[in-house]
């Protein structure tokens, strides 16, 4: 199973300002194939306004408002249950939270068109921990661990007859 996580860099680090983050959320929503395709840590369908409201409630300290990344999959995931794939992303994000020792607020959207582009998922992660109001500091190690976790879940799905079913 081939998965690659691309973390998009802005300024001195992985974080981007709130206005650019909101613009990116709108942009990726326009590229989706259905309405309300956003998902998060608890809902298979949510709205961008719910996440933006959360972002607006957090402290603003310069340009450290959030992270964005793209998870690239190979074409093998096309045609499989998208809700189950969302669950694997949730589980992998849960492992990342455990590794970091803090909760993360995030928003995802799948772009699984059937053209020549590889299927991919956009993830937006808030730059603040809602509970402690402390800053979230992601680095390349965290992205690598998220990548490994997703590869592990999807590889197990492949071994089980390539049906993306929820793990027991």
C-alpha atoms as a PDB file:
ATOM      1  CA  UNK A   1       0.000   0.000   0.000  1.00  0.00           C
ATOM      2  CA  UNK A   2       1.500   3.302  -1.024  1.00  0.00           C
ATOM      3  CA  UNK A   3       0.543   6.400   0.934  1.00  0.00           C
ATOM      4  CA  UNK A   4       2.361   9.702   0.928  1.00  0.00           C
ATOM      5  CA  UNK A   5       1.615  12.651   3.174  1.00  0.00           C
ATOM      6  CA  UNK A   6       2.470  16.039   1.817  1.00  0.00           C
ATOM      7  CA  UNK A   7       2.583  18.771   4.397  1.00  0.00           C
ATOM      8  CA  UNK A   8       2.307  22.141   2.790  1.00  0.00           C
ATOM      9  CA  UNK A   9       4.832  24.653   4.033  1.00  0.00           C
ATOM     10  CA  UNK A  10       4.195  28.337   4.574  1.00  0.00           C
ATOM     11  CA  UNK A  11       6.532  30.923   6.046  1.00  0.00           C
ATOM     12  CA  UNK A  12       8.948  29.530   8.644  1.00  0.00           C
ATOM     13  CA  UNK A  13       7.049  26.387   9.556  1.00  0.00           C
ATOM     14  CA  UNK A  14       4.111  24.168   8.634  1.00  0.00           C
ATOM     15  CA  UNK A  15       1.545  26.592  10.046  1.00  0.00           C
ATOM     16  CA  UNK A  16      -0.536  29.027   8.044  1.00  0.00           C
ATOM     17  CA  UNK A  17      -2.493  32.148   9.015  1.00  0.00           C
ATOM     18  CA  UNK A  18      -6.203  31.926   9.744  1.00  0.00           C
ATOM     19  CA  UNK A  19      -7.284  33.856   6.642  1.00  0.00           C
ATOM     20  CA  UNK A  20      -5.315  31.526   4.355  1.00  0.00           C
ATOM     21  CA  UNK A  21      -6.597  28.493   6.235  1.00  0.00           C
ATOM     22  CA  UNK A  22     -10.238  29.583   5.768  1.00  0.00           C
ATOM     23  CA  UNK A  23      -9.581  30.253   2.094  1.00  0.00           C
ATOM     24  CA  UNK A  24      -8.032  26.807   1.678  1.00  0.00           C
ATOM     25  CA  UNK A  25     -11.031  25.150   3.356  1.00  0.00           C
ATOM     26  CA  UNK A  26     -13.346  26.872   0.873  1.00  0.00           C
ATOM     27  CA  UNK A  27     -11.095  25.970  -2.063  1.00  0.00           C
ATOM     28  CA  UNK A  28     -10.899  22.257  -1.252  1.00  0.00           C
ATOM     29  CA  UNK A  29     -14.675  22.158  -0.725  1.00  0.00           C
ATOM     30  CA  UNK A  30     -15.254  23.463  -4.252  1.00  0.00           C
ATOM     31  CA  UNK A  31     -13.138  20.624  -5.690  1.00  0.00           C
ATOM     32  CA  UNK A  32     -15.240  17.928  -3.978  1.00  0.00           C
ATOM     33  CA  UNK A  33     -17.711  15.804  -5.911  1.00  0.00           C
ATOM     34  CA  UNK A  34     -20.654  16.142  -3.514  1.00  0.00           C
ATOM     35  CA  UNK A  35     -22.186  18.659  -1.128  1.00  0.00           C
ATOM     36  CA  UNK A  36     -21.164  18.667   2.546  1.00  0.00           C
ATOM     37  CA  UNK A  37     -18.255  16.287   1.970  1.00  0.00           C
ATOM     38  CA  UNK A  38     -16.274  17.506   4.977  1.00  0.00           C
ATOM     39  CA  UNK A  39     -15.662  15.099   7.871  1.00  0.00           C
ATOM     40  CA  UNK A  40     -13.981  15.409  11.263  1.00  0.00           C
ATOM     41  CA  UNK A  41     -13.052  13.380  14.329  1.00  0.00           C
ATOM     42  CA  UNK A  42     -16.682  12.457  15.018  1.00  0.00           C
ATOM     43  CA  UNK A  43     -18.879  13.145  11.968  1.00  0.00           C
ATOM     44  CA  UNK A  44     -18.848  11.639   8.459  1.00  0.00           C
ATOM     45  CA  UNK A  45     -20.528  14.784   7.172  1.00  0.00           C
ATOM     46  CA  UNK A  46     -19.985  18.194   8.695  1.00  0.00           C
ATOM     47  CA  UNK A  47     -19.766  21.757   7.450  1.00  0.00           C
ATOM     48  CA  UNK A  48     -16.837  24.083   7.029  1.00  0.00           C
ATOM     49  CA  UNK A  49     -18.669  26.691   9.119  1.00  0.00           C
ATOM     50  CA  UNK A  50     -18.564  24.382  12.167  1.00  0.00           C
ATOM     51  CA  UNK A  51     -14.770  24.134  11.934  1.00  0.00           C
ATOM     52  CA  UNK A  52     -14.300  27.828  11.090  1.00  0.00           C
ATOM     53  CA  UNK A  53     -16.391  28.739  14.141  1.00  0.00           C
ATOM     54  CA  UNK A  54     -14.001  26.662  16.242  1.00  0.00           C
ATOM     55  CA  UNK A  55     -10.980  28.356  14.651  1.00  0.00           C
ATOM     56  CA  UNK A  56     -12.492  31.780  15.322  1.00  0.00           C
ATOM     57  CA  UNK A  57     -12.933  30.923  19.019  1.00  0.00           C
ATOM     58  CA  UNK A  58      -9.229  30.189  19.518  1.00  0.00           C
ATOM     59  CA  UNK A  59      -6.585  32.747  20.480  1.00  0.00           C
ATOM     60  CA  UNK A  60      -4.823  34.441  17.616  1.00  0.00           C
ATOM     61  CA  UNK A  61      -1.061  34.723  17.961  1.00  0.00           C
ATOM     62  CA  UNK A  62       0.386  35.777  14.661  1.00  0.00           C
ATOM     63  CA  UNK A  63       0.561  33.147  11.973  1.00  0.00           C
ATOM     64  CA  UNK A  64       0.251  29.991  14.067  1.00  0.00           C
ATOM     65  CA  UNK A  65      -3.400  29.164  13.360  1.00  0.00           C
ATOM     66  CA  UNK A  66      -3.289  25.790  11.668  1.00  0.00           C
ATOM     67  CA  UNK A  67      -1.701  23.112   9.547  1.00  0.00           C
ATOM     68  CA  UNK A  68      -2.766  21.620   6.267  1.00  0.00           C
ATOM     69  CA  UNK A  69      -1.692  18.422   4.593  1.00  0.00           C
ATOM     70  CA  UNK A  70      -2.624  16.162   1.719  1.00  0.00           C
ATOM     71  CA  UNK A  71      -2.681  12.380   2.058  1.00  0.00           C
ATOM     72  CA  UNK A  72      -2.065  10.808  -1.358  1.00  0.00           C
ATOM     73  CA  UNK A  73      -3.308   7.261  -1.955  1.00  0.00           C
ATOM     74  CA  UNK A  74      -2.748   4.933  -4.865  1.00  0.00           C
ATOM     75  CA  UNK A  75      -5.639   4.218  -7.226  1.00  0.00           C
ATOM     76  CA  UNK A  76      -6.472   0.990  -5.379  1.00  0.00           C
ATOM     77  CA  UNK A  77      -8.636   2.892  -2.896  1.00  0.00           C
ATOM     78  CA  UNK A  78     -11.021   4.106  -5.610  1.00  0.00           C
ATOM     79  CA  UNK A  79     -14.395   2.403  -5.444  1.00  0.00           C
ATOM     80  CA  UNK A  80     -14.060   1.366  -1.815  1.00  0.00           C
ATOM     81  CA  UNK A  81     -16.219   2.507   1.063  1.00  0.00           C
ATOM     82  CA  UNK A  82     -15.275   6.113   1.678  1.00  0.00           C
ATOM     83  CA  UNK A  83     -16.831   6.145   5.160  1.00  0.00           C
ATOM     84  CA  UNK A  84     -14.562   3.299   6.230  1.00  0.00           C
ATOM     85  CA  UNK A  85     -11.537   5.133   4.849  1.00  0.00           C
ATOM     86  CA  UNK A  86     -12.623   8.145   6.916  1.00  0.00           C
ATOM     87  CA  UNK A  87     -12.663   5.867   9.952  1.00  0.00           C
ATOM     88  CA  UNK A  88      -9.071   4.761   9.250  1.00  0.00           C
ATOM     89  CA  UNK A  89      -8.069   8.412   9.043  1.00  0.00           C
ATOM     90  CA  UNK A  90      -9.831   9.052  12.373  1.00  0.00           C
ATOM     91  CA  UNK A  91      -8.046   6.110  13.980  1.00  0.00           C
ATOM     92  CA  UNK A  92      -4.684   7.290  12.649  1.00  0.00           C
ATOM     93  CA  UNK A  93      -5.349  10.824  13.892  1.00  0.00           C
ATOM     94  CA  UNK A  94      -6.258   9.295  17.271  1.00  0.00           C
ATOM     95  CA  UNK A  95      -2.874   7.581  17.368  1.00  0.00           C
ATOM     96  CA  UNK A  96      -1.217  10.895  16.519  1.00  0.00           C
ATOM     97  CA  UNK A  97      -3.067  12.541  19.421  1.00  0.00           C
ATOM     98  CA  UNK A  98      -1.836   9.821  21.775  1.00  0.00           C
ATOM     99  CA  UNK A  99       1.722  10.301  20.521  1.00  0.00           C
ATOM    100  CA  UNK A 100       1.486  14.056  21.093  1.00  0.00           C
ATOM    101  CA  UNK A 101      -0.366  13.771  24.396  1.00  0.00           C
ATOM    102  CA  UNK A 102      -3.018  16.278  23.358  1.00  0.00           C
ATOM    103  CA  UNK A 103      -6.265  16.438  21.451  1.00  0.00           C
ATOM    104  CA  UNK A 104      -6.394  17.815  17.922  1.00  0.00           C
ATOM    105  CA  UNK A 105      -9.231  19.546  16.152  1.00  0.00           C
ATOM    106  CA  UNK A 106      -9.209  18.785  12.451  1.00  0.00           C
ATOM    107  CA  UNK A 107     -11.292  18.772   9.302  1.00  0.00           C
ATOM    108  CA  UNK A 108     -10.912  16.445   6.324  1.00  0.00           C
ATOM    109  CA  UNK A 109     -12.260  16.126   2.805  1.00  0.00           C
ATOM    110  CA  UNK A 110     -11.738  13.402   0.208  1.00  0.00           C
ATOM    111  CA  UNK A 111     -11.034  14.107  -3.441  1.00  0.00           C
ATOM    112  CA  UNK A 112     -11.641  10.772  -5.110  1.00  0.00           C
ATOM    113  CA  UNK A 113     -12.391  11.780  -8.676  1.00  0.00           C
ATOM    114  CA  UNK A 114     -12.087   9.175 -11.376  1.00  0.00           C
ATOM    115  CA  UNK A 115      -9.775  11.144 -13.638  1.00  0.00           C
ATOM    116  CA  UNK A 116      -6.019  10.687 -13.880  1.00  0.00           C
ATOM    117  CA  UNK A 117      -5.292  12.288 -10.509  1.00  0.00           C
ATOM    118  CA  UNK A 118      -4.514  10.072  -7.567  1.00  0.00           C
ATOM    119  CA  UNK A 119      -7.164   9.922  -4.855  1.00  0.00           C
ATOM    120  CA  UNK A 120      -6.253  12.101  -1.899  1.00  0.00           C
ATOM    121  CA  UNK A 121      -7.560  13.508   1.351  1.00  0.00           C
ATOM    122  CA  UNK A 122      -7.012  17.058   2.566  1.00  0.00           C
ATOM    123  CA  UNK A 123      -6.624  17.506   6.324  1.00  0.00           C
ATOM    124  CA  UNK A 124      -6.712  20.833   8.139  1.00  0.00           C
ATOM    125  CA  UNK A 125      -5.487  20.735  11.751  1.00  0.00           C
ATOM    126  CA  UNK A 126      -6.057  23.559  14.189  1.00  0.00           C
ATOM    127  CA  UNK A 127      -2.862  25.119  15.515  1.00  0.00           C
ATOM    128  CA  UNK A 128      -4.274  25.263  19.041  1.00  0.00           C
ATOM    129  CA  UNK A 129      -5.453  22.724  21.549  1.00  0.00           C
ATOM    130  CA  UNK A 130      -9.004  23.705  22.463  1.00  0.00           C
ATOM    131  CA  UNK A 131      -8.783  22.249  25.970  1.00  0.00           C
ATOM    132  CA  UNK A 132      -5.523  23.822  27.119  1.00  0.00           C
ATOM    133  CA  UNK A 133      -5.529  26.731  24.648  1.00  0.00           C
ATOM    134  CA  UNK A 134      -1.898  25.780  24.058  1.00  0.00           C
ATOM    135  CA  UNK A 135      -0.181  25.694  20.726  1.00  0.00           C
ATOM    136  CA  UNK A 136      -0.067  22.478  18.679  1.00  0.00           C
ATOM    137  CA  UNK A 137       3.450  21.812  17.405  1.00  0.00           C
ATOM    138  CA  UNK A 138       3.545  19.321  14.550  1.00  0.00           C
ATOM    139  CA  UNK A 139       6.776  18.422  12.834  1.00  0.00           C
ATOM    140  CA  UNK A 140       7.993  15.984  10.176  1.00  0.00           C
ATOM    141  CA  UNK A 141       8.162  13.150  12.701  1.00  0.00           C
ATOM    142  CA  UNK A 142       4.423  13.504  13.394  1.00  0.00           C
ATOM    143  CA  UNK A 143       3.588  13.427   9.687  1.00  0.00           C
ATOM    144  CA  UNK A 144       5.725  10.296   9.276  1.00  0.00           C
ATOM    145  CA  UNK A 145       3.939   8.560  12.171  1.00  0.00           C
ATOM    146  CA  UNK A 146       0.537   9.446  10.695  1.00  0.00           C
ATOM    147  CA  UNK A 147       1.677   8.032   7.352  1.00  0.00           C
ATOM    148  CA  UNK A 148       2.859   4.781   8.995  1.00  0.00           C
ATOM    149  CA  UNK A 149      -0.419   4.401  10.865  1.00  0.00           C
ATOM    150  CA  UNK A 150      -2.509   4.811   7.712  1.00  0.00           C
ATOM    151  CA  UNK A 151      -0.315   2.378   5.798  1.00  0.00           C
ATOM    152  CA  UNK A 152      -0.759  -0.168   8.576  1.00  0.00           C
ATOM    153  CA  UNK A 153      -4.572   0.092   8.590  1.00  0.00           C
ATOM    154  CA  UNK A 154      -4.897  -0.009   4.810  1.00  0.00           C
ATOM    155  CA  UNK A 155      -2.385  -2.845   4.427  1.00  0.00           C
ATOM    156  CA  UNK A 156      -4.463  -4.945   6.827  1.00  0.00           C
ATOM    157  CA  UNK A 157      -7.519  -4.183   4.695  1.00  0.00           C
ATOM    158  CA  UNK A 158      -5.685  -5.386   1.594  1.00  0.00           C
ATOM    159  CA  UNK A 159      -4.669  -8.629   3.324  1.00  0.00           C
ATOM    160  CA  UNK A 160      -8.318  -9.239   4.246  1.00  0.00           C
ATOM    161  CA  UNK A 161      -9.392  -9.611   0.630  1.00  0.00           C
ATOM    162  CA  UNK A 162      -9.049  -5.937  -0.113  1.00  0.00           C
ATOM    163  CA  UNK A 163     -12.331  -4.968   1.382  1.00  0.00           C
ATOM    164  CA  UNK A 164     -12.097  -1.786   3.357  1.00  0.00           C
ATOM    165  CA  UNK A 165     -14.139  -2.975   6.295  1.00  0.00           C
ATOM    166  CA  UNK A 166     -13.970  -1.626   9.779  1.00  0.00           C
ATOM    167  CA  UNK A 167     -11.320  -3.402  11.820  1.00  0.00           C
ATOM    168  CA  UNK A 168     -12.631  -5.399  14.760  1.00  0.00           C
END
